[in-house]
């Protein structure tokens, strides 16, 4: 973590903050185990989830991409709300959804989160 960031942990999440910038990883339980062969269906559902999150934050999606995070095919999104940029990514593994979020002026730390994230 970059120097000067304040880190807090709970049973389901890790959050790092510096000023108004924030990075987080939160784990959610899925109802069914994720099957990577059904990525297209999962991506469609995640597109809707991300769109709703952006609207709830007062923004709208500006980017939707498929990429590889932690060796797994993922969906990532960008939106802006009240002038604050946000990037969110969903990594699905078994019955877990890892939600990676960067908001504020996170630049390189956000890139590091997405490029270094892995599930043990």
PDB file of N, CA and C in Angstrom:
ATOM      1  N   UNK A   1       0.847  -1.174   0.000  1.00  0.00           N
ATOM      2  CA  UNK A   1       0.000   0.000   0.000  1.00  0.00           C
ATOM      3  C   UNK A   1       0.895   1.241   0.000  1.00  0.00           C
ATOM      4  N   UNK A   2       0.497   2.263  -0.761  1.00  0.00           N
ATOM      5  CA  UNK A   2       1.293   3.489  -0.771  1.00  0.00           C
ATOM      6  C   UNK A   2       1.410   4.089   0.636  1.00  0.00           C
ATOM      7  N   UNK A   3       2.537   4.723   0.879  1.00  0.00           N
ATOM      8  CA  UNK A   3       2.794   5.334   2.180  1.00  0.00           C
ATOM      9  C   UNK A   3       1.745   6.391   2.492  1.00  0.00           C
ATOM     10  N   UNK A   4       1.329   6.422   3.753  1.00  0.00           N
ATOM     11  CA  UNK A   4       0.387   7.441   4.199  1.00  0.00           C
ATOM     12  C   UNK A   4      -1.078   7.055   4.075  1.00  0.00           C
ATOM     13  N   UNK A   5      -1.372   5.876   3.547  1.00  0.00           N
ATOM     14  CA  UNK A   5      -2.760   5.428   3.442  1.00  0.00           C
ATOM     15  C   UNK A   5      -3.159   4.761   4.754  1.00  0.00           C
ATOM     16  N   UNK A   6      -4.373   5.043   5.203  1.00  0.00           N
ATOM     17  CA  UNK A   6      -4.919   4.444   6.425  1.00  0.00           C
ATOM     18  C   UNK A   6      -5.693   3.193   6.016  1.00  0.00           C
ATOM     19  N   UNK A   7      -5.402   2.050   6.628  1.00  0.00           N
ATOM     20  CA  UNK A   7      -6.017   0.776   6.264  1.00  0.00           C
ATOM     21  C   UNK A   7      -6.884   0.267   7.407  1.00  0.00           C
ATOM     22  N   UNK A   8      -8.094  -0.193   7.059  1.00  0.00           N
ATOM     23  CA  UNK A   8      -8.969  -0.834   8.050  1.00  0.00           C
ATOM     24  C   UNK A   8      -9.460  -2.154   7.472  1.00  0.00           C
ATOM     25  N   UNK A   9      -9.678  -3.106   8.353  1.00  0.00           N
ATOM     26  CA  UNK A   9     -10.102  -4.443   7.945  1.00  0.00           C
ATOM     27  C   UNK A   9     -11.316  -4.879   8.742  1.00  0.00           C
ATOM     28  N   UNK A  10     -12.165  -5.655   8.077  1.00  0.00           N
ATOM     29  CA  UNK A  10     -13.276  -6.306   8.764  1.00  0.00           C
ATOM     30  C   UNK A  10     -13.297  -7.745   8.270  1.00  0.00           C
ATOM     31  N   UNK A  11     -14.270  -8.515   8.693  1.00  0.00           N
ATOM     32  CA  UNK A  11     -14.345  -9.916   8.274  1.00  0.00           C
ATOM     33  C   UNK A  11     -14.535 -10.048   6.762  1.00  0.00           C
ATOM     34  N   UNK A  12     -15.183  -9.068   6.129  1.00  0.00           N
ATOM     35  CA  UNK A  12     -15.500  -9.151   4.702  1.00  0.00           C
ATOM     36  C   UNK A  12     -14.786  -8.149   3.826  1.00  0.00           C
ATOM     37  N   UNK A  13     -13.998  -7.236   4.410  1.00  0.00           N
ATOM     38  CA  UNK A  13     -13.421  -6.199   3.558  1.00  0.00           C
ATOM     39  C   UNK A  13     -12.099  -5.650   4.086  1.00  0.00           C
ATOM     40  N   UNK A  14     -11.394  -5.020   3.149  1.00  0.00           N
ATOM     41  CA  UNK A  14     -10.192  -4.240   3.462  1.00  0.00           C
ATOM     42  C   UNK A  14     -10.380  -2.906   2.759  1.00  0.00           C
ATOM     43  N   UNK A  15     -10.168  -1.819   3.490  1.00  0.00           N
ATOM     44  CA  UNK A  15     -10.349  -0.475   2.942  1.00  0.00           C
ATOM     45  C   UNK A  15      -9.091   0.332   3.231  1.00  0.00           C
ATOM     46  N   UNK A  16      -8.597   1.023   2.200  1.00  0.00           N
ATOM     47  CA  UNK A  16      -7.448   1.926   2.358  1.00  0.00           C
ATOM     48  C   UNK A  16      -7.912   3.321   1.937  1.00  0.00           C
ATOM     49  N   UNK A  17      -7.596   4.324   2.765  1.00  0.00           N
ATOM     50  CA  UNK A  17      -8.016   5.697   2.479  1.00  0.00           C
ATOM     51  C   UNK A  17      -6.860   6.660   2.653  1.00  0.00           C
ATOM     52  N   UNK A  18      -6.882   7.666   1.794  1.00  0.00           N
ATOM     53  CA  UNK A  18      -5.972   8.803   1.941  1.00  0.00           C
ATOM     54  C   UNK A  18      -6.753  10.013   1.461  1.00  0.00           C
ATOM     55  N   UNK A  19      -7.061  10.925   2.382  1.00  0.00           N
ATOM     56  CA  UNK A  19      -7.904  12.064   2.027  1.00  0.00           C
ATOM     57  C   UNK A  19      -9.244  11.561   1.518  1.00  0.00           C
ATOM     58  N   UNK A  20      -9.673  12.048   0.354  1.00  0.00           N
ATOM     59  CA  UNK A  20     -10.961  11.620  -0.192  1.00  0.00           C
ATOM     60  C   UNK A  20     -10.816  10.422  -1.140  1.00  0.00           C
ATOM     61  N   UNK A  21      -9.601   9.900  -1.280  1.00  0.00           N
ATOM     62  CA  UNK A  21      -9.371   8.730  -2.130  1.00  0.00           C
ATOM     63  C   UNK A  21      -9.541   7.463  -1.315  1.00  0.00           C
ATOM     64  N   UNK A  22     -10.126   6.444  -1.977  1.00  0.00           N
ATOM     65  CA  UNK A  22     -10.454   5.210  -1.258  1.00  0.00           C
ATOM     66  C   UNK A  22     -10.293   3.996  -2.183  1.00  0.00           C
ATOM     67  N   UNK A  23      -9.664   2.951  -1.665  1.00  0.00           N
ATOM     68  CA  UNK A  23      -9.550   1.660  -2.330  1.00  0.00           C
ATOM     69  C   UNK A  23     -10.180   0.627  -1.411  1.00  0.00           C
ATOM     70  N   UNK A  24     -10.903  -0.339  -1.984  1.00  0.00           N
ATOM     71  CA  UNK A  24     -11.473  -1.376  -1.133  1.00  0.00           C
ATOM     72  C   UNK A  24     -11.644  -2.680  -1.886  1.00  0.00           C
ATOM     73  N   UNK A  25     -11.625  -3.760  -1.117  1.00  0.00           N
ATOM     74  CA  UNK A  25     -11.986  -5.083  -1.603  1.00  0.00           C
ATOM     75  C   UNK A  25     -12.990  -5.627  -0.609  1.00  0.00           C
ATOM     76  N   UNK A  26     -14.170  -6.008  -1.111  1.00  0.00           N
ATOM     77  CA  UNK A  26     -15.227  -6.551  -0.268  1.00  0.00           C
ATOM     78  C   UNK A  26     -15.649  -7.897  -0.830  1.00  0.00           C
ATOM     79  N   UNK A  27     -15.857  -8.870   0.052  1.00  0.00           N
ATOM     80  CA  UNK A  27     -16.264 -10.211  -0.363  1.00  0.00           C
ATOM     81  C   UNK A  27     -17.767 -10.375  -0.106  1.00  0.00           C
ATOM     82  N   UNK A  28     -18.473 -10.837  -1.134  1.00  0.00           N
ATOM     83  CA  UNK A  28     -19.897 -11.163  -1.025  1.00  0.00           C
ATOM     84  C   UNK A  28     -20.069 -12.640  -1.358  1.00  0.00           C
ATOM     85  N   UNK A  29     -21.017 -13.300  -0.694  1.00  0.00           N
ATOM     86  CA  UNK A  29     -21.325 -14.701  -0.976  1.00  0.00           C
ATOM     87  C   UNK A  29     -22.337 -14.774  -2.112  1.00  0.00           C
ATOM     88  N   UNK A  30     -22.072 -15.665  -3.059  1.00  0.00           N
ATOM     89  CA  UNK A  30     -22.990 -15.908  -4.162  1.00  0.00           C
ATOM     90  C   UNK A  30     -23.967 -17.016  -3.774  1.00  0.00           C
ATOM     91  N   UNK A  31     -25.171 -16.986  -4.330  1.00  0.00           N
ATOM     92  CA  UNK A  31     -26.161 -18.021  -4.044  1.00  0.00           C
ATOM     93  C   UNK A  31     -25.738 -19.368  -4.622  1.00  0.00           C
ATOM     94  N   UNK A  32     -25.097 -19.319  -5.810  1.00  0.00           N
ATOM     95  CA  UNK A  32     -24.625 -20.530  -6.470  1.00  0.00           C
ATOM     96  C   UNK A  32     -23.146 -20.371  -6.781  1.00  0.00           C
ATOM     97  N   UNK A  33     -22.469 -21.485  -6.922  1.00  0.00           N
ATOM     98  CA  UNK A  33     -21.054 -21.447  -7.287  1.00  0.00           C
ATOM     99  C   UNK A  33     -20.903 -20.943  -8.723  1.00  0.00           C
ATOM    100  N   UNK A  34     -19.960 -20.039  -8.919  1.00  0.00           N
ATOM    101  CA  UNK A  34     -19.719 -19.459 -10.241  1.00  0.00           C
ATOM    102  C   UNK A  34     -19.023 -20.475 -11.142  1.00  0.00           C
ATOM    103  N   UNK A  35     -19.520 -20.584 -12.372  1.00  0.00           N
ATOM    104  CA  UNK A  35     -18.939 -21.459 -13.386  1.00  0.00           C
ATOM    105  C   UNK A  35     -18.320 -20.573 -14.465  1.00  0.00           C
ATOM    106  N   UNK A  36     -16.984 -20.552 -14.594  1.00  0.00           N
ATOM    107  CA  UNK A  36     -16.335 -19.699 -15.600  1.00  0.00           C
ATOM    108  C   UNK A  36     -16.856 -19.923 -17.028  1.00  0.00           C
ATOM    109  N   UNK A  37     -17.394 -21.098 -17.317  1.00  0.00           N
ATOM    110  CA  UNK A  37     -17.945 -21.367 -18.652  1.00  0.00           C
ATOM    111  C   UNK A  37     -19.179 -20.505 -18.929  1.00  0.00           C
ATOM    112  N   UNK A  38     -19.758 -19.949 -17.878  1.00  0.00           N
ATOM    113  CA  UNK A  38     -20.952 -19.100 -18.019  1.00  0.00           C
ATOM    114  C   UNK A  38     -20.603 -17.617 -17.866  1.00  0.00           C
ATOM    115  N   UNK A  39     -19.371 -17.255 -18.240  1.00  0.00           N
ATOM    116  CA  UNK A  39     -18.928 -15.870 -18.080  1.00  0.00           C
ATOM    117  C   UNK A  39     -19.842 -14.882 -18.791  1.00  0.00           C
ATOM    118  N   UNK A  40     -20.276 -15.181 -20.001  1.00  0.00           N
ATOM    119  CA  UNK A  40     -21.122 -14.243 -20.761  1.00  0.00           C
ATOM    120  C   UNK A  40     -22.404 -13.919 -19.990  1.00  0.00           C
ATOM    121  N   UNK A  41     -23.033 -14.916 -19.410  1.00  0.00           N
ATOM    122  CA  UNK A  41     -24.258 -14.689 -18.632  1.00  0.00           C
ATOM    123  C   UNK A  41     -23.947 -13.882 -17.373  1.00  0.00           C
ATOM    124  N   UNK A  42     -22.839 -14.219 -16.716  1.00  0.00           N
ATOM    125  CA  UNK A  42     -22.443 -13.479 -15.516  1.00  0.00           C
ATOM    126  C   UNK A  42     -22.136 -12.030 -15.861  1.00  0.00           C
ATOM    127  N   UNK A  43     -21.446 -11.809 -16.991  1.00  0.00           N
ATOM    128  CA  UNK A  43     -21.092 -10.451 -17.410  1.00  0.00           C
ATOM    129  C   UNK A  43     -22.344  -9.615 -17.640  1.00  0.00           C
ATOM    130  N   UNK A  44     -23.346 -10.203 -18.258  1.00  0.00           N
ATOM    131  CA  UNK A  44     -24.601  -9.481 -18.501  1.00  0.00           C
ATOM    132  C   UNK A  44     -25.252  -9.068 -17.180  1.00  0.00           C
ATOM    133  N   UNK A  45     -25.261  -9.972 -16.219  1.00  0.00           N
ATOM    134  CA  UNK A  45     -25.834  -9.660 -14.903  1.00  0.00           C
ATOM    135  C   UNK A  45     -25.006  -8.583 -14.201  1.00  0.00           C
ATOM    136  N   UNK A  46     -23.677  -8.694 -14.272  1.00  0.00           N
ATOM    137  CA  UNK A  46     -22.802  -7.703 -13.638  1.00  0.00           C
ATOM    138  C   UNK A  46     -22.948  -6.333 -14.289  1.00  0.00           C
ATOM    139  N   UNK A  47     -23.176  -6.286 -15.601  1.00  0.00           N
ATOM    140  CA  UNK A  47     -23.410  -5.010 -16.286  1.00  0.00           C
ATOM    141  C   UNK A  47     -24.594  -4.281 -15.646  1.00  0.00           C
ATOM    142  N   UNK A  48     -25.662  -5.033 -15.352  1.00  0.00           N
ATOM    143  CA  UNK A  48     -26.833  -4.435 -14.705  1.00  0.00           C
ATOM    144  C   UNK A  48     -26.529  -3.975 -13.291  1.00  0.00           C
ATOM    145  N   UNK A  49     -25.788  -4.783 -12.552  1.00  0.00           N
ATOM    146  CA  UNK A  49     -25.416  -4.426 -11.176  1.00  0.00           C
ATOM    147  C   UNK A  49     -24.593  -3.146 -11.171  1.00  0.00           C
ATOM    148  N   UNK A  50     -23.586  -3.079 -12.043  1.00  0.00           N
ATOM    149  CA  UNK A  50     -22.718  -1.895 -12.100  1.00  0.00           C
ATOM    150  C   UNK A  50     -23.502  -0.651 -12.500  1.00  0.00           C
ATOM    151  N   UNK A  51     -24.418  -0.811 -13.443  1.00  0.00           N
ATOM    152  CA  UNK A  51     -25.237   0.319 -13.866  1.00  0.00           C
ATOM    153  C   UNK A  51     -26.081   0.847 -12.698  1.00  0.00           C
ATOM    154  N   UNK A  52     -26.673  -0.079 -11.940  1.00  0.00           N
ATOM    155  CA  UNK A  52     -27.475   0.331 -10.775  1.00  0.00           C
ATOM    156  C   UNK A  52     -26.613   1.013  -9.709  1.00  0.00           C
ATOM    157  N   UNK A  53     -25.403   0.497  -9.473  1.00  0.00           N
ATOM    158  CA  UNK A  53     -24.500   1.122  -8.493  1.00  0.00           C
ATOM    159  C   UNK A  53     -24.145   2.542  -8.918  1.00  0.00           C
ATOM    160  N   UNK A  54     -23.881   2.728 -10.208  1.00  0.00           N
ATOM    161  CA  UNK A  54     -23.540   4.067 -10.717  1.00  0.00           C
ATOM    162  C   UNK A  54     -24.713   5.017 -10.530  1.00  0.00           C
ATOM    163  N   UNK A  55     -25.923   4.570 -10.857  1.00  0.00           N
ATOM    164  CA  UNK A  55     -27.122   5.408 -10.710  1.00  0.00           C
ATOM    165  C   UNK A  55     -27.354   5.744  -9.234  1.00  0.00           C
ATOM    166  N   UNK A  56     -27.196   4.756  -8.352  1.00  0.00           N
ATOM    167  CA  UNK A  56     -27.369   4.999  -6.913  1.00  0.00           C
ATOM    168  C   UNK A  56     -26.382   6.044  -6.407  1.00  0.00           C
ATOM    169  N   UNK A  57     -25.201   6.092  -7.015  1.00  0.00           N
ATOM    170  CA  UNK A  57     -24.183   7.071  -6.614  1.00  0.00           C
ATOM    171  C   UNK A  57     -24.385   8.424  -7.295  1.00  0.00           C
ATOM    172  N   UNK A  58     -25.406   8.516  -8.162  1.00  0.00           N
ATOM    173  CA  UNK A  58     -25.684   9.780  -8.839  1.00  0.00           C
ATOM    174  C   UNK A  58     -24.927   9.947 -10.140  1.00  0.00           C
ATOM    175  N   UNK A  59     -24.453   8.857 -10.712  1.00  0.00           N
ATOM    176  CA  UNK A  59     -23.702   8.926 -11.962  1.00  0.00           C
ATOM    177  C   UNK A  59     -24.250   7.958 -12.990  1.00  0.00           C
ATOM    178  N   UNK A  60     -23.466   7.738 -14.048  1.00  0.00           N
ATOM    179  CA  UNK A  60     -23.805   6.714 -15.027  1.00  0.00           C
ATOM    180  C   UNK A  60     -22.511   6.112 -15.554  1.00  0.00           C
ATOM    181  N   UNK A  61     -22.589   4.862 -15.997  1.00  0.00           N
ATOM    182  CA  UNK A  61     -21.403   4.171 -16.476  1.00  0.00           C
ATOM    183  C   UNK A  61     -20.797   4.884 -17.672  1.00  0.00           C
ATOM    184  N   UNK A  62     -19.460   4.981 -17.674  1.00  0.00           N
ATOM    185  CA  UNK A  62     -18.751   5.566 -18.811  1.00  0.00           C
ATOM    186  C   UNK A  62     -17.860   4.532 -19.498  1.00  0.00           C
ATOM    187  N   UNK A  63     -17.652   3.378 -18.839  1.00  0.00           N
ATOM    188  CA  UNK A  63     -16.810   2.338 -19.424  1.00  0.00           C
ATOM    189  C   UNK A  63     -17.162   0.988 -18.830  1.00  0.00           C
ATOM    190  N   UNK A  64     -17.235  -0.020 -19.690  1.00  0.00           N
ATOM    191  CA  UNK A  64     -17.443  -1.412 -19.287  1.00  0.00           C
ATOM    192  C   UNK A  64     -16.426  -2.240 -20.053  1.00  0.00           C
ATOM    193  N   UNK A  65     -15.601  -3.008 -19.334  1.00  0.00           N
ATOM    194  CA  UNK A  65     -14.578  -3.796 -20.013  1.00  0.00           C
ATOM    195  C   UNK A  65     -14.463  -5.194 -19.418  1.00  0.00           C
ATOM    196  N   UNK A  66     -13.979  -6.108 -20.226  1.00  0.00           N
ATOM    197  CA  UNK A  66     -13.607  -7.440 -19.765  1.00  0.00           C
ATOM    198  C   UNK A  66     -12.091  -7.468 -19.719  1.00  0.00           C
ATOM    199  N   UNK A  67     -11.556  -7.940 -18.611  1.00  0.00           N
ATOM    200  CA  UNK A  67     -10.104  -8.013 -18.457  1.00  0.00           C
ATOM    201  C   UNK A  67      -9.763  -9.229 -17.612  1.00  0.00           C
ATOM    202  N   UNK A  68      -8.488  -9.396 -17.333  1.00  0.00           N
ATOM    203  CA  UNK A  68      -8.035 -10.479 -16.468  1.00  0.00           C
ATOM    204  C   UNK A  68      -7.475  -9.863 -15.196  1.00  0.00           C
ATOM    205  N   UNK A  69      -8.003 -10.290 -14.067  1.00  0.00           N
ATOM    206  CA  UNK A  69      -7.541  -9.836 -12.754  1.00  0.00           C
ATOM    207  C   UNK A  69      -7.271 -11.090 -11.937  1.00  0.00           C
ATOM    208  N   UNK A  70      -6.092 -11.193 -11.401  1.00  0.00           N
ATOM    209  CA  UNK A  70      -5.754 -12.367 -10.595  1.00  0.00           C
ATOM    210  C   UNK A  70      -5.863 -13.661 -11.384  1.00  0.00           C
ATOM    211  N   UNK A  71      -5.598 -13.605 -12.688  1.00  0.00           N
ATOM    212  CA  UNK A  71      -5.661 -14.787 -13.522  1.00  0.00           C
ATOM    213  C   UNK A  71      -7.065 -15.220 -13.903  1.00  0.00           C
ATOM    214  N   UNK A  72      -8.062 -14.369 -13.593  1.00  0.00           N
ATOM    215  CA  UNK A  72      -9.453 -14.720 -13.877  1.00  0.00           C
ATOM    216  C   UNK A  72     -10.102 -13.642 -14.747  1.00  0.00           C
ATOM    217  N   UNK A  73     -10.940 -14.085 -15.657  1.00  0.00           N
ATOM    218  CA  UNK A  73     -11.689 -13.169 -16.510  1.00  0.00           C
ATOM    219  C   UNK A  73     -12.674 -12.399 -15.632  1.00  0.00           C
ATOM    220  N   UNK A  74     -12.668 -11.070 -15.747  1.00  0.00           N
ATOM    221  CA  UNK A  74     -13.504 -10.231 -14.887  1.00  0.00           C
ATOM    222  C   UNK A  74     -14.196  -9.146 -15.697  1.00  0.00           C
ATOM    223  N   UNK A  75     -15.138  -8.475 -15.055  1.00  0.00           N
ATOM    224  CA  UNK A  75     -15.776  -7.292 -15.629  1.00  0.00           C
ATOM    225  C   UNK A  75     -15.379  -6.107 -14.764  1.00  0.00           C
ATOM    226  N   UNK A  76     -15.027  -4.997 -15.435  1.00  0.00           N
ATOM    227  CA  UNK A  76     -14.655  -3.757 -14.746  1.00  0.00           C
ATOM    228  C   UNK A  76     -15.429  -2.599 -15.351  1.00  0.00           C
ATOM    229  N   UNK A  77     -15.690  -1.593 -14.542  1.00  0.00           N
ATOM    230  CA  UNK A  77     -16.518  -0.459 -14.953  1.00  0.00           C
ATOM    231  C   UNK A  77     -15.937   0.828 -14.400  1.00  0.00           C
ATOM    232  N   UNK A  78     -16.267   1.918 -15.071  1.00  0.00           N
ATOM    233  CA  UNK A  78     -15.926   3.263 -14.589  1.00  0.00           C
ATOM    234  C   UNK A  78     -17.167   4.135 -14.666  1.00  0.00           C
ATOM    235  N   UNK A  79     -17.289   4.997 -13.655  1.00  0.00           N
ATOM    236  CA  UNK A  79     -18.327   6.022 -13.674  1.00  0.00           C
ATOM    237  C   UNK A  79     -17.852   7.198 -12.846  1.00  0.00           C
ATOM    238  N   UNK A  80     -18.521   8.307 -12.999  1.00  0.00           N
ATOM    239  CA  UNK A  80     -18.192   9.502 -12.228  1.00  0.00           C
ATOM    240  C   UNK A  80     -19.456   9.980 -11.535  1.00  0.00           C
ATOM    241  N   UNK A  81     -19.322  10.356 -10.282  1.00  0.00           N
ATOM    242  CA  UNK A  81     -20.447  10.864  -9.508  1.00  0.00           C
ATOM    243  C   UNK A  81     -20.007  12.121  -8.770  1.00  0.00           C
ATOM    244  N   UNK A  82     -20.675  13.221  -9.047  1.00  0.00           N
ATOM    245  CA  UNK A  82     -20.351  14.500  -8.404  1.00  0.00           C
ATOM    246  C   UNK A  82     -18.877  14.842  -8.579  1.00  0.00           C
ATOM    247  N   UNK A  83     -18.352  14.555  -9.759  1.00  0.00           N
ATOM    248  CA  UNK A  83     -16.964  14.872 -10.069  1.00  0.00           C
ATOM    249  C   UNK A  83     -15.939  13.888  -9.532  1.00  0.00           C
ATOM    250  N   UNK A  84     -16.394  12.835  -8.859  1.00  0.00           N
ATOM    251  CA  UNK A  84     -15.472  11.851  -8.284  1.00  0.00           C
ATOM    252  C   UNK A  84     -15.448  10.609  -9.174  1.00  0.00           C
ATOM    253  N   UNK A  85     -14.280  10.286  -9.763  1.00  0.00           N
ATOM    254  CA  UNK A  85     -14.188   9.084 -10.594  1.00  0.00           C
ATOM    255  C   UNK A  85     -14.193   7.820  -9.739  1.00  0.00           C
ATOM    256  N   UNK A  86     -14.852   6.791 -10.254  1.00  0.00           N
ATOM    257  CA  UNK A  86     -14.917   5.508  -9.558  1.00  0.00           C
ATOM    258  C   UNK A  86     -14.660   4.389 -10.551  1.00  0.00           C
ATOM    259  N   UNK A  87     -13.883   3.425 -10.126  1.00  0.00           N
ATOM    260  CA  UNK A  87     -13.639   2.208 -10.912  1.00  0.00           C
ATOM    261  C   UNK A  87     -14.042   1.033 -10.042  1.00  0.00           C
ATOM    262  N   UNK A  88     -14.808   0.111 -10.607  1.00  0.00           N
ATOM    263  CA  UNK A  88     -15.270  -1.054  -9.861  1.00  0.00           C
ATOM    264  C   UNK A  88     -15.043  -2.300 -10.704  1.00  0.00           C
ATOM    265  N   UNK A  89     -14.603  -3.366 -10.048  1.00  0.00           N
ATOM    266  CA  UNK A  89     -14.377  -4.627 -10.740  1.00  0.00           C
ATOM    267  C   UNK A  89     -14.948  -5.774  -9.928  1.00  0.00           C
ATOM    268  N   UNK A  90     -15.390  -6.805 -10.634  1.00  0.00           N
ATOM    269  CA  UNK A  90     -15.971  -7.977  -9.991  1.00  0.00           C
ATOM    270  C   UNK A  90     -15.141  -9.208 -10.365  1.00  0.00           C
ATOM    271  N   UNK A  91     -14.607  -9.891  -9.353  1.00  0.00           N
ATOM    272  CA  UNK A  91     -13.856 -11.119  -9.555  1.00  0.00           C
ATOM    273  C   UNK A  91     -14.678 -12.235  -8.910  1.00  0.00           C
ATOM    274  N   UNK A  92     -15.102 -13.204  -9.716  1.00  0.00           N
ATOM    275  CA  UNK A  92     -15.945 -14.297  -9.232  1.00  0.00           C
ATOM    276  C   UNK A  92     -15.124 -15.568  -9.112  1.00  0.00           C
ATOM    277  N   UNK A  93     -15.176 -16.172  -7.905  1.00  0.00           N
ATOM    278  CA  UNK A  93     -14.411 -17.391  -7.627  1.00  0.00           C
ATOM    279  C   UNK A  93     -15.278 -18.299  -6.755  1.00  0.00           C
ATOM    280  N   UNK A  94     -15.675 -19.437  -7.299  1.00  0.00           N
ATOM    281  CA  UNK A  94     -16.507 -20.354  -6.519  1.00  0.00           C
ATOM    282  C   UNK A  94     -17.783 -19.672  -6.069  1.00  0.00           C
ATOM    283  N   UNK A  95     -18.018 -19.637  -4.759  1.00  0.00           N
ATOM    284  CA  UNK A  95     -19.212 -18.972  -4.218  1.00  0.00           C
ATOM    285  C   UNK A  95     -18.909 -17.571  -3.705  1.00  0.00           C
ATOM    286  N   UNK A  96     -17.748 -17.020  -4.083  1.00  0.00           N
ATOM    287  CA  UNK A  96     -17.366 -15.681  -3.630  1.00  0.00           C
ATOM    288  C   UNK A  96     -17.319 -14.674  -4.776  1.00  0.00           C
ATOM    289  N   UNK A  97     -17.804 -13.487  -4.496  1.00  0.00           N
ATOM    290  CA  UNK A  97     -17.654 -12.341  -5.396  1.00  0.00           C
ATOM    291  C   UNK A  97     -16.742 -11.355  -4.680  1.00  0.00           C
ATOM    292  N   UNK A  98     -15.629 -11.024  -5.305  1.00  0.00           N
ATOM    293  CA  UNK A  98     -14.715 -10.016  -4.773  1.00  0.00           C
ATOM    294  C   UNK A  98     -14.983  -8.729  -5.533  1.00  0.00           C
ATOM    295  N   UNK A  99     -15.399  -7.712  -4.817  1.00  0.00           N
ATOM    296  CA  UNK A  99     -15.716  -6.419  -5.436  1.00  0.00           C
ATOM    297  C   UNK A  99     -14.568  -5.464  -5.130  1.00  0.00           C
ATOM    298  N   UNK A 100     -13.843  -5.061  -6.187  1.00  0.00           N
ATOM    299  CA  UNK A 100     -12.726  -4.130  -6.062  1.00  0.00           C
ATOM    300  C   UNK A 100     -13.239  -2.742  -6.437  1.00  0.00           C
ATOM    301  N   UNK A 101     -13.015  -1.759  -5.570  1.00  0.00           N
ATOM    302  CA  UNK A 101     -13.504  -0.409  -5.822  1.00  0.00           C
ATOM    303  C   UNK A 101     -12.395   0.605  -5.550  1.00  0.00           C
ATOM    304  N   UNK A 102     -12.250   1.546  -6.478  1.00  0.00           N
ATOM    305  CA  UNK A 102     -11.351   2.683  -6.310  1.00  0.00           C
ATOM    306  C   UNK A 102     -12.187   3.934  -6.541  1.00  0.00           C
ATOM    307  N   UNK A 103     -12.108   4.897  -5.647  1.00  0.00           N
ATOM    308  CA  UNK A 103     -12.824   6.155  -5.871  1.00  0.00           C
ATOM    309  C   UNK A 103     -11.932   7.319  -5.472  1.00  0.00           C
ATOM    310  N   UNK A 104     -12.123   8.422  -6.160  1.00  0.00           N
ATOM    311  CA  UNK A 104     -11.293   9.593  -5.927  1.00  0.00           C
ATOM    312  C   UNK A 104     -10.067   9.552  -6.819  1.00  0.00           C
ATOM    313  N   UNK A 105      -9.082  10.324  -6.458  1.00  0.00           N
ATOM    314  CA  UNK A 105      -7.852  10.442  -7.243  1.00  0.00           C
ATOM    315  C   UNK A 105      -6.899   9.318  -6.846  1.00  0.00           C
ATOM    316  N   UNK A 106      -7.180   8.089  -7.318  1.00  0.00           N
ATOM    317  CA  UNK A 106      -6.391   6.936  -6.888  1.00  0.00           C
ATOM    318  C   UNK A 106      -5.325   6.524  -7.891  1.00  0.00           C
ATOM    319  N   UNK A 107      -5.462   6.872  -9.167  1.00  0.00           N
ATOM    320  CA  UNK A 107      -4.451   6.621 -10.198  1.00  0.00           C
ATOM    321  C   UNK A 107      -3.657   5.349 -10.046  1.00  0.00           C
ATOM    322  N   UNK A 108      -2.363   5.497  -9.756  1.00  0.00           N
ATOM    323  CA  UNK A 108      -1.458   4.357  -9.660  1.00  0.00           C
ATOM    324  C   UNK A 108      -1.879   3.357  -8.590  1.00  0.00           C
ATOM    325  N   UNK A 109      -2.302   3.777  -7.384  1.00  0.00           N
ATOM    326  CA  UNK A 109      -2.743   2.788  -6.399  1.00  0.00           C
ATOM    327  C   UNK A 109      -3.910   1.923  -6.922  1.00  0.00           C
ATOM    328  N   UNK A 110      -4.825   2.504  -7.674  1.00  0.00           N
ATOM    329  CA  UNK A 110      -5.931   1.730  -8.232  1.00  0.00           C
ATOM    330  C   UNK A 110      -5.405   0.735  -9.262  1.00  0.00           C
ATOM    331  N   UNK A 111      -4.513   1.191 -10.123  1.00  0.00           N
ATOM    332  CA  UNK A 111      -3.911   0.290 -11.106  1.00  0.00           C
ATOM    333  C   UNK A 111      -3.211  -0.867 -10.400  1.00  0.00           C
ATOM    334  N   UNK A 112      -2.523  -0.579  -9.302  1.00  0.00           N
ATOM    335  CA  UNK A 112      -1.848  -1.635  -8.537  1.00  0.00           C
ATOM    336  C   UNK A 112      -2.848  -2.617  -7.929  1.00  0.00           C
ATOM    337  N   UNK A 113      -3.964  -2.111  -7.421  1.00  0.00           N
ATOM    338  CA  UNK A 113      -4.988  -2.986  -6.861  1.00  0.00           C
ATOM    339  C   UNK A 113      -5.464  -3.978  -7.916  1.00  0.00           C
ATOM    340  N   UNK A 114      -5.806  -3.479  -9.095  1.00  0.00           N
ATOM    341  CA  UNK A 114      -6.331  -4.344 -10.151  1.00  0.00           C
ATOM    342  C   UNK A 114      -5.260  -5.264 -10.736  1.00  0.00           C
ATOM    343  N   UNK A 115      -4.012  -4.813 -10.782  1.00  0.00           N
ATOM    344  CA  UNK A 115      -2.962  -5.655 -11.380  1.00  0.00           C
ATOM    345  C   UNK A 115      -2.366  -6.668 -10.403  1.00  0.00           C
ATOM    346  N   UNK A 116      -2.482  -6.410  -9.097  1.00  0.00           N
ATOM    347  CA  UNK A 116      -1.848  -7.306  -8.127  1.00  0.00           C
ATOM    348  C   UNK A 116      -2.844  -8.171  -7.354  1.00  0.00           C
ATOM    349  N   UNK A 117      -4.138  -7.910  -7.503  1.00  0.00           N
ATOM    350  CA  UNK A 117      -5.133  -8.676  -6.751  1.00  0.00           C
ATOM    351  C   UNK A 117      -5.075 -10.145  -7.138  1.00  0.00           C
ATOM    352  N   UNK A 118      -5.120 -11.013  -6.146  1.00  0.00           N
ATOM    353  CA  UNK A 118      -5.206 -12.451  -6.404  1.00  0.00           C
ATOM    354  C   UNK A 118      -5.950 -13.118  -5.256  1.00  0.00           C
ATOM    355  N   UNK A 119      -6.500 -14.281  -5.550  1.00  0.00           N
ATOM    356  CA  UNK A 119      -7.215 -15.059  -4.545  1.00  0.00           C
ATOM    357  C   UNK A 119      -6.365 -16.263  -4.226  1.00  0.00           C
ATOM    358  N   UNK A 120      -6.061 -16.464  -2.938  1.00  0.00           N
ATOM    359  CA  UNK A 120      -5.211 -17.599  -2.546  1.00  0.00           C
ATOM    360  C   UNK A 120      -6.015 -18.864  -2.480  1.00  0.00           C
TER     361      UNK A 120
END
